[in-house]
Amino acid sequence: MSVLSSMPAATDKDERRRALSAFLRSRRERIQPEEVGFAPGGRRRTPGLRREEVAQLAGVGVTWYTWLEQGRDINVSAQVLEAISRTLRLDRLERNHLYTLAGIALGPARSENIALPGSVQKMLDQLSPYPAQVLNSRYDVLAFNDAYCQVVIDVDAIPLEERNLLWLTFVSDEWRCNFADSDSIKQHMVAGYRVALADHLGEPSWQDLTERLLASSPLFAELWERYDVAAPSGKLKVLNNERVGLLRMEAVSLWLSQLGQVRSTVYTPADAETEAKLRLLVND
């Protein structure tokens, strides 16, 4: 028997720990000490921050962080991962990757993030005063412009893990949108989600979102049991904005095919009165 064949096979957990170790080290080494307030001088064996510096900035023990980066089997909390994410300046996609490797669920609407090119955000910004957003097939909000925040819902103020339109519509009282035809919109959203789910059956993040919605919203559960299916619709939508009153808008969906099942939805005014109100809201 060879030496290799006599070694125990690596488990999925072992592989995840090794990946976590390599990922943390790579993110740590890309940050220069002077970027976070440390003196640049002194001899450093590796580029970027030292482990003890990361631990200090994140407010965790040096030994604990060292064990984490070494891939040891230790308990990790979401709060500590959040502190490490901020310290290592992780973007949204990197943060989600860190949570996945650590085996920590992100929350009620764990987002399936896609690294959007900067040109997509530039496009959304240029559409102002028309509200616009980018969604994936699971209704995660991946990008948006300032007009969308001012007219529809203030996504900037919503925690990253809750930026899912199904969760915001059916569960969150604080962030619920004020569409006049909300009953019809909710029915259509659930029917559209069922269509999308067919391509992701058995995937943990989709299953987690569905189970949380069913447990948290009796209305979602009721609509889910109808087994309706539908495609994205561009029908007229009426929004009751607290500052300017009713807005009549048409939702136009533009599929960003190079990014997979991702679409940009742009709300365009259906009449001159709405056009004027949009410009007042965004330019005020």
Protein backbone atom coordinates (compact mmCIF):
# COMPACT_ATOMS: atom_id res chain seq x y z
CA MET A 1 0.00 0.00 0.00
CA SER A 2 1.33 3.42 -0.91
CA VAL A 3 1.72 6.26 1.55
CA LEU A 4 -0.92 8.30 -0.28
CA SER A 5 -3.50 5.53 -0.29
CA SER A 6 -3.07 4.96 3.44
CA MET A 7 -3.85 8.60 4.28
CA PRO A 8 -7.43 9.37 5.35
CA ALA A 9 -9.53 11.13 2.71
CA ALA A 10 -10.14 14.81 3.28
CA THR A 11 -13.71 15.64 4.30
CA ASP A 12 -15.77 18.54 2.98
CA LYS A 13 -15.25 20.25 6.33
CA ASP A 14 -11.47 19.89 6.00
CA GLU A 15 -11.57 21.36 2.51
CA ARG A 16 -13.68 24.27 3.70
CA ARG A 17 -11.26 25.03 6.54
CA ARG A 18 -8.31 25.03 4.16
CA ALA A 19 -10.18 27.33 1.80
CA LEU A 20 -11.10 29.63 4.71
CA SER A 21 -7.45 29.75 5.80
CA ALA A 22 -6.19 30.66 2.34
CA PHE A 23 -8.94 33.23 1.81
CA LEU A 24 -8.33 35.06 5.10
CA ARG A 25 -4.59 35.13 4.50
CA SER A 26 -5.00 36.54 0.99
CA ARG A 27 -7.38 39.29 2.18
CA ARG A 28 -5.07 40.18 5.09
CA GLU A 29 -1.98 40.41 2.91
CA ARG A 30 -3.54 42.85 0.46
CA ILE A 31 -4.06 45.59 3.10
CA GLN A 32 -1.11 47.86 3.76
CA PRO A 33 -0.48 48.81 7.43
CA GLU A 34 -0.63 52.54 6.75
CA GLU A 35 -4.12 52.15 5.24
CA VAL A 36 -5.53 51.27 8.67
CA GLY A 37 -3.41 53.49 10.88
CA PHE A 38 -0.34 51.36 11.58
CA ALA A 39 3.19 52.63 11.00
CA PRO A 40 4.60 51.29 7.72
CA GLY A 41 8.11 50.81 9.09
CA GLY A 42 9.67 47.73 10.66
CA ARG A 43 10.61 44.35 9.27
CA ARG A 44 7.70 42.28 8.01
CA ARG A 45 8.06 38.68 6.89
CA THR A 46 4.85 38.80 4.86
CA PRO A 47 3.08 41.55 2.92
CA GLY A 48 0.10 43.37 4.37
CA LEU A 49 -1.15 43.18 7.92
CA ARG A 50 0.06 40.84 10.63
CA ARG A 51 -2.39 38.47 12.27
CA GLU A 52 -2.15 40.32 15.57
CA GLU A 53 -3.02 43.58 13.80
CA VAL A 54 -6.15 42.05 12.28
CA ALA A 55 -7.12 40.69 15.69
CA GLN A 56 -6.59 44.10 17.29
CA LEU A 57 -8.68 45.93 14.70
CA ALA A 58 -11.46 43.35 14.82
CA GLY A 59 -11.52 43.24 18.62
CA VAL A 60 -10.81 39.50 18.91
CA GLY A 61 -8.07 37.52 20.61
CA VAL A 62 -4.82 37.03 18.73
CA THR A 63 -4.72 33.31 19.48
CA TRP A 64 -8.34 32.87 18.38
CA TYR A 65 -7.80 34.70 15.09
CA THR A 66 -4.57 32.76 14.48
CA TRP A 67 -6.43 29.47 14.95
CA LEU A 68 -9.19 30.67 12.62
CA GLU A 69 -6.72 31.55 9.87
CA GLN A 70 -4.92 28.25 10.42
CA GLY A 71 -8.15 26.43 9.70
CA ARG A 72 -8.57 24.90 13.14
CA ASP A 73 -11.94 23.57 14.28
CA ILE A 74 -13.19 26.43 16.47
CA ASN A 75 -16.58 28.05 17.07
CA VAL A 76 -17.29 31.17 15.02
CA SER A 77 -20.15 33.64 15.49
CA ALA A 78 -21.75 35.91 12.92
CA GLN A 79 -20.83 38.95 15.03
CA VAL A 80 -17.13 38.08 14.96
CA LEU A 81 -17.21 37.35 11.22
CA GLU A 82 -18.83 40.74 10.67
CA ALA A 83 -16.01 42.45 12.59
CA ILE A 84 -13.39 40.57 10.56
CA SER A 85 -15.22 41.46 7.33
CA ARG A 86 -15.04 45.15 8.18
CA THR A 87 -11.41 44.93 9.23
CA LEU A 88 -10.38 43.17 6.01
CA ARG A 89 -12.52 45.57 3.96
CA LEU A 90 -14.43 42.77 2.27
CA ASP A 91 -16.96 43.70 -0.37
CA ARG A 92 -20.39 42.11 -0.43
CA LEU A 93 -19.36 39.08 -2.47
CA GLU A 94 -16.24 38.46 -0.37
CA ARG A 95 -18.21 38.79 2.85
CA ASN A 96 -20.74 36.21 1.73
CA HIS A 97 -17.90 33.90 0.68
CA LEU A 98 -16.34 34.22 4.15
CA TYR A 99 -19.64 33.32 5.82
CA THR A 100 -20.09 30.32 3.53
CA LEU A 101 -16.60 28.97 4.24
CA ALA A 102 -17.19 29.43 7.98
CA GLY A 103 -20.52 27.60 7.77
CA ILE A 104 -22.55 30.57 9.04
CA ALA A 105 -25.94 31.46 7.56
CA LEU A 106 -26.21 35.08 6.45
CA GLY A 107 -29.79 35.69 7.55
CA PRO A 108 -33.33 35.69 6.24
CA ALA A 109 -32.49 36.45 2.65
CA ARG A 110 -29.00 35.24 2.12
CA SER A 111 -28.06 36.84 -1.18
CA GLU A 112 -26.69 34.97 -4.16
CA ASN A 113 -24.29 37.72 -5.10
CA ILE A 114 -22.82 38.31 -8.51
CA ALA A 115 -19.83 40.56 -9.04
CA LEU A 116 -21.45 43.24 -11.17
CA PRO A 117 -19.15 45.27 -13.40
CA GLY A 118 -18.86 48.96 -12.55
CA SER A 119 -20.53 49.82 -15.85
CA VAL A 120 -23.85 48.48 -14.50
CA GLN A 121 -23.89 50.99 -11.62
CA LYS A 122 -22.92 53.78 -14.03
CA MET A 123 -25.88 52.83 -16.22
CA LEU A 124 -28.27 52.92 -13.26
CA ASP A 125 -26.99 56.32 -12.14
CA GLN A 126 -27.48 57.76 -15.61
CA LEU A 127 -31.15 56.72 -15.60
CA SER A 128 -32.02 59.20 -12.82
CA PRO A 129 -34.65 60.53 -12.12
CA TYR A 130 -36.11 57.18 -13.14
CA PRO A 131 -35.86 54.60 -10.34
CA ALA A 132 -33.87 51.52 -11.36
CA GLN A 133 -32.52 48.39 -9.71
CA VAL A 134 -30.80 45.12 -10.61
CA LEU A 135 -32.30 41.84 -9.37
CA ASN A 136 -31.38 38.20 -9.69
CA SER A 137 -34.02 35.52 -10.17
CA ARG A 138 -34.37 35.14 -6.39
CA TYR A 139 -35.34 38.82 -6.00
CA ASP A 140 -32.08 39.78 -4.29
CA VAL A 141 -31.35 43.48 -4.85
CA LEU A 142 -27.85 43.55 -6.34
CA ALA A 143 -27.64 47.23 -7.36
CA PHE A 144 -29.83 50.35 -7.43
CA ASN A 145 -29.68 54.07 -8.08
CA ASP A 146 -30.41 57.01 -5.79
CA ALA A 147 -33.77 57.61 -7.45
CA TYR A 148 -34.90 54.11 -6.46
CA CYS A 149 -34.03 54.90 -2.82
CA GLN A 150 -35.93 58.17 -2.86
CA VAL A 151 -39.00 57.01 -4.77
CA VAL A 152 -39.57 53.31 -4.02
CA ILE A 153 -37.62 52.09 -0.96
CA ASP A 154 -34.43 53.28 0.75
CA VAL A 155 -32.21 50.25 0.07
CA ASP A 156 -29.15 52.06 1.46
CA ALA A 157 -30.70 51.93 4.94
CA ILE A 158 -31.48 48.21 4.77
CA PRO A 159 -28.95 45.67 6.10
CA LEU A 160 -27.20 43.70 3.34
CA GLU A 161 -28.68 40.37 4.40
CA GLU A 162 -32.26 41.73 4.18
CA ARG A 163 -32.02 43.18 0.68
CA ASN A 164 -34.44 40.72 -0.87
CA LEU A 165 -37.74 42.00 -2.28
CA LEU A 166 -39.70 38.93 -1.16
CA TRP A 167 -38.51 39.37 2.41
CA LEU A 168 -39.11 43.13 2.35
CA THR A 169 -42.58 42.71 0.85
CA PHE A 170 -43.95 39.86 2.95
CA VAL A 171 -42.11 40.04 6.27
CA SER A 172 -40.51 43.41 6.99
CA ASP A 173 -43.02 46.01 8.22
CA GLU A 174 -40.34 48.69 8.38
CA TRP A 175 -39.30 48.53 4.72
CA ARG A 176 -42.53 47.58 2.97
CA CYS A 177 -43.15 49.36 -0.35
CA ASN A 178 -46.41 51.29 -0.76
CA PHE A 179 -47.70 50.02 -4.08
CA ALA A 180 -51.42 50.68 -4.48
CA ASP A 181 -52.01 47.34 -6.22
CA SER A 182 -50.00 45.43 -3.64
CA ASP A 183 -52.20 42.31 -3.63
CA SER A 184 -51.72 41.69 -7.33
CA ILE A 185 -48.00 42.45 -7.12
CA LYS A 186 -47.52 39.98 -4.26
CA GLN A 187 -49.32 37.23 -6.15
CA HIS A 188 -47.15 37.85 -9.21
CA MET A 189 -43.92 37.89 -7.19
CA VAL A 190 -44.65 34.52 -5.58
CA ALA A 191 -45.60 33.02 -8.93
CA GLY A 192 -42.39 34.34 -10.48
CA TYR A 193 -40.32 33.01 -7.59
CA ARG A 194 -41.82 29.54 -8.05
CA VAL A 195 -40.72 29.53 -11.70
CA ALA A 196 -37.17 30.55 -10.76
CA LEU A 197 -36.98 28.02 -7.93
CA ALA A 198 -37.46 25.15 -10.39
CA ASP A 199 -33.88 25.71 -11.59
CA HIS A 200 -32.49 25.69 -8.04
CA LEU A 201 -34.28 22.83 -6.28
CA GLY A 202 -32.22 21.46 -3.42
CA GLU A 203 -29.85 24.44 -3.26
CA PRO A 204 -29.46 25.42 0.42
CA SER A 205 -29.75 29.20 0.00
CA TRP A 206 -32.98 28.94 -2.00
CA GLN A 207 -34.42 26.34 0.35
CA ASP A 208 -33.50 28.50 3.35
CA LEU A 209 -35.24 31.57 1.93
CA THR A 210 -38.38 29.61 1.04
CA GLU A 211 -38.61 28.01 4.49
CA ARG A 212 -38.11 31.34 6.25
CA LEU A 213 -40.79 33.03 4.15
CA LEU A 214 -43.25 30.19 4.78
CA ALA A 215 -42.58 30.37 8.54
CA SER A 216 -42.70 34.17 8.77
CA SER A 217 -45.56 35.15 6.44
CA PRO A 218 -49.00 33.49 6.43
CA LEU A 219 -49.82 35.39 3.23
CA PHE A 220 -46.74 34.04 1.45
CA ALA A 221 -47.66 30.54 2.62
CA GLU A 222 -51.20 30.97 1.30
CA LEU A 223 -50.03 32.20 -2.11
CA TRP A 224 -47.34 29.49 -2.25
CA GLU A 225 -49.98 26.78 -1.92
CA ARG A 226 -51.70 28.02 -5.09
CA TYR A 227 -48.81 26.78 -7.23
CA ASP A 228 -49.25 29.68 -9.67
CA VAL A 229 -46.43 30.45 -12.11
CA ALA A 230 -45.68 33.69 -13.94
CA ALA A 231 -43.00 35.55 -15.87
CA PRO A 232 -41.75 39.08 -15.00
CA SER A 233 -44.38 41.66 -15.94
CA GLY A 234 -44.08 45.21 -17.18
CA LYS A 235 -47.63 46.25 -16.36
CA LEU A 236 -48.54 49.65 -14.94
CA LYS A 237 -47.69 50.10 -11.26
CA VAL A 238 -49.09 52.77 -8.94
CA LEU A 239 -46.94 53.81 -6.00
CA ASN A 240 -48.11 56.01 -3.13
CA ASN A 241 -45.09 58.12 -2.21
CA GLU A 242 -45.38 59.91 1.14
CA ARG A 243 -43.90 63.15 -0.26
CA VAL A 244 -45.66 63.62 -3.60
CA GLY A 245 -48.61 61.22 -3.58
CA LEU A 246 -49.52 58.78 -6.33
CA LEU A 247 -47.01 57.90 -9.03
CA ARG A 248 -48.09 55.98 -12.13
CA MET A 249 -45.11 54.08 -13.53
CA GLU A 250 -44.36 51.31 -16.00
CA ALA A 251 -41.77 48.71 -15.05
CA VAL A 252 -39.42 47.84 -17.92
CA SER A 253 -37.17 44.79 -17.44
CA LEU A 254 -33.83 44.61 -19.26
CA TRP A 255 -32.09 41.23 -19.05
CA LEU A 256 -28.33 41.38 -18.49
CA SER A 257 -27.71 38.08 -20.25
CA GLN A 258 -23.93 38.10 -19.78
CA LEU A 259 -24.47 37.91 -16.01
CA GLY A 260 -26.88 34.97 -16.02
CA GLN A 261 -30.43 35.27 -14.67
CA VAL A 262 -30.07 38.93 -13.77
CA ARG A 263 -32.31 41.77 -14.88
CA SER A 264 -32.47 45.52 -14.49
CA THR A 265 -35.91 46.96 -13.77
CA VAL A 266 -36.49 50.60 -14.67
CA TYR A 267 -39.59 52.50 -13.57
CA THR A 268 -40.60 55.02 -16.24
CA PRO A 269 -43.40 57.60 -15.77
CA ALA A 270 -46.72 56.76 -17.41
CA ASP A 271 -47.84 60.40 -17.59
CA ALA A 272 -46.52 63.96 -17.47
CA GLU A 273 -47.66 64.47 -13.86
CA THR A 274 -45.60 61.51 -12.67
CA GLU A 275 -42.61 62.73 -14.70
CA ALA A 276 -42.77 66.09 -12.91
CA LYS A 277 -43.13 64.44 -9.49
CA LEU A 278 -40.13 62.18 -10.12
CA ARG A 279 -37.93 65.13 -11.04
CA LEU A 280 -39.13 67.00 -7.95
CA LEU A 281 -38.33 64.04 -5.69
CA VAL A 282 -34.87 63.33 -7.09
CA ASN A 283 -33.71 66.90 -7.66
CA ASP A 284 -35.14 68.37 -4.44
